Structure formats: C-alpha cells, structure tokens
C-alpha cells in the first residue's frame, strides 16, 4: 500500500518532515510544496539520499529487506518562487496538476503541515 506524503513546511521550522520519514514505507512518494521546498537542502533529505545510495533502510524500521524505493518530487513553481535549486537527478520537478494525479495513483495521502 503506497502513501503520498505532501510536505508543506520546512524542517528548519517544524519536525513534520522528520515524522514523515519515520513512517515512510517502500514505494512511497514525497512531494515538497510551499515552504516544504526548503527541505531539499535540509540534512534529513541528504540522509535520505545517502541511504538510497547505500541501499539501506535506516529511514524506516518497518522495511526489513535493506532496499527502500522512494519517489521524491517538488512543485517546480514553488521551488522557483523561493529561489531553491533542484537537483533533478534526485528529485523530479512536477506541476500542481501532476500532484492531483498522484493523489489518485496512491492508496493513501498524508499532508504534513
């Protein structure tokens, strides 16, 4: 069962993103919107990328097979409005219409705000 995690606030100000990572499951999708775009440059996101590179599952205790596949997206206009650079090898820029499609293609949606 996949979950779409919509992260709206910066981890520099709240612990919402840290809580999101604690329940992250295999094949889940994270979308940064609004001030959540700042999380692209937060150490928690760097750790997420490092773990993906090393094929470890340290992000979530409920994954036991040493591999977790996570899709990471950011609303392109929201990142642009905040002058945030996006490393497109790690994160996909999407439009708001794509976010709507993601809500239908995942089993659950959690908004972190």
Protein backbone atom coordinates (compact mmCIF):
# COMPACT_ATOMS: atom_id res chain seq x y z
CA UNK A 1 0.00 0.00 0.00
CA UNK A 2 1.64 3.23 -1.15
CA UNK A 3 1.33 6.58 0.56
CA UNK A 4 1.68 10.04 -0.92
CA UNK A 5 3.32 12.34 1.63
CA UNK A 6 2.70 16.03 0.91
CA UNK A 7 5.19 18.06 2.92
CA UNK A 8 4.19 21.73 3.23
CA UNK A 9 6.53 23.07 5.92
CA UNK A 10 10.25 23.40 6.28
CA UNK A 11 12.09 21.02 8.56
CA UNK A 12 14.11 24.06 9.61
CA UNK A 13 10.97 25.25 11.48
CA UNK A 14 8.97 22.14 12.40
CA UNK A 15 9.50 18.41 12.89
CA UNK A 16 6.82 17.39 10.38
CA UNK A 17 9.33 16.14 7.82
CA UNK A 18 11.19 14.10 10.47
CA UNK A 19 7.89 12.49 11.46
CA UNK A 20 7.13 11.79 7.81
CA UNK A 21 10.44 9.96 7.42
CA UNK A 22 9.70 7.82 10.48
CA UNK A 23 6.65 6.25 8.84
CA UNK A 24 7.95 6.20 5.28
CA UNK A 25 7.28 2.92 3.53
CA UNK A 26 8.54 1.16 0.45
CA UNK A 27 7.39 2.80 -2.83
CA UNK A 28 6.02 5.84 -1.00
CA UNK A 29 6.04 9.23 -2.70
CA UNK A 30 7.12 12.53 -1.13
CA UNK A 31 6.09 15.85 -2.67
CA UNK A 32 7.50 19.11 -1.34
CA UNK A 33 5.15 22.05 -1.76
CA UNK A 34 5.03 25.58 -0.33
CA UNK A 35 7.78 26.05 2.29
CA UNK A 36 8.36 22.30 2.23
CA UNK A 37 10.58 23.01 -0.79
CA UNK A 38 13.26 24.20 1.64
CA UNK A 39 13.63 20.57 2.72
CA UNK A 40 15.56 19.91 -0.48
CA UNK A 41 18.55 21.49 1.32
CA UNK A 42 17.92 20.02 4.78
CA UNK A 43 20.23 17.40 6.31
CA UNK A 44 17.31 14.94 6.63
CA UNK A 45 16.88 14.94 2.86
CA UNK A 46 20.61 14.48 2.39
CA UNK A 47 20.45 11.47 4.72
CA UNK A 48 17.52 10.10 2.69
CA UNK A 49 19.63 10.35 -0.50
CA UNK A 50 22.66 8.83 1.22
CA UNK A 51 20.60 5.88 2.44
CA UNK A 52 19.14 5.38 -1.02
CA UNK A 53 22.64 5.41 -2.50
CA UNK A 54 23.82 2.85 0.04
CA UNK A 55 20.64 0.72 -0.38
CA UNK A 56 19.92 0.79 3.33
CA UNK A 57 16.59 1.04 5.06
CA UNK A 58 17.61 3.11 8.06
CA UNK A 59 14.88 5.64 7.36
CA UNK A 60 12.04 3.33 8.31
CA UNK A 61 12.11 0.43 10.73
CA UNK A 62 9.20 -1.31 9.03
CA UNK A 63 11.29 -2.16 5.96
CA UNK A 64 13.31 -5.29 6.58
CA UNK A 65 14.86 -6.17 3.23
CA UNK A 66 17.62 -3.50 3.00
CA UNK A 67 16.02 -1.81 -0.01
CA UNK A 68 13.53 1.01 0.02
CA UNK A 69 12.33 2.80 -3.08
CA UNK A 70 11.09 6.33 -2.55
CA UNK A 71 9.98 8.81 -5.19
CA UNK A 72 10.76 12.44 -4.41
CA UNK A 73 9.05 15.35 -6.19
CA UNK A 74 8.85 19.10 -5.77
CA UNK A 75 6.33 21.54 -7.21
CA UNK A 76 8.50 23.40 -9.73
CA UNK A 77 6.77 26.77 -9.36
CA UNK A 78 7.02 26.66 -5.57
CA UNK A 79 10.76 25.94 -5.66
CA UNK A 80 11.28 28.66 -8.27
CA UNK A 81 9.33 31.21 -6.21
CA UNK A 82 11.71 30.50 -3.28
CA UNK A 83 14.86 30.52 -5.45
CA UNK A 84 15.57 26.90 -4.48
CA UNK A 85 17.78 24.91 -6.81
CA UNK A 86 16.59 21.40 -7.57
CA UNK A 87 19.00 18.56 -8.24
CA UNK A 88 16.95 16.76 -10.88
CA UNK A 89 18.96 13.56 -10.51
CA UNK A 90 17.48 13.19 -7.01
CA UNK A 91 14.16 15.00 -7.23
CA UNK A 92 11.65 15.41 -10.02
CA UNK A 93 10.06 18.78 -10.71
CA UNK A 94 6.31 18.49 -11.20
CA UNK A 95 3.34 20.78 -11.74
CA UNK A 96 0.32 21.09 -9.47
CA UNK A 97 -1.71 19.06 -11.96
CA UNK A 98 0.77 16.21 -11.51
CA UNK A 99 0.15 16.36 -7.76
CA UNK A 100 -3.54 15.86 -8.39
CA UNK A 101 -2.74 12.77 -10.47
CA UNK A 102 -0.52 11.43 -7.68
CA UNK A 103 -3.41 11.65 -5.21
CA UNK A 104 -5.32 9.19 -7.37
CA UNK A 105 -2.41 6.84 -8.07
CA UNK A 106 -1.52 6.24 -4.40
CA UNK A 107 -3.54 4.33 -1.80
CA UNK A 108 -3.32 6.99 0.93
CA UNK A 109 -2.46 10.67 1.18
CA UNK A 110 -0.96 12.36 4.23
CA UNK A 111 -0.42 16.11 4.31
CA UNK A 112 2.30 17.24 6.71
CA UNK A 113 1.59 20.83 7.74
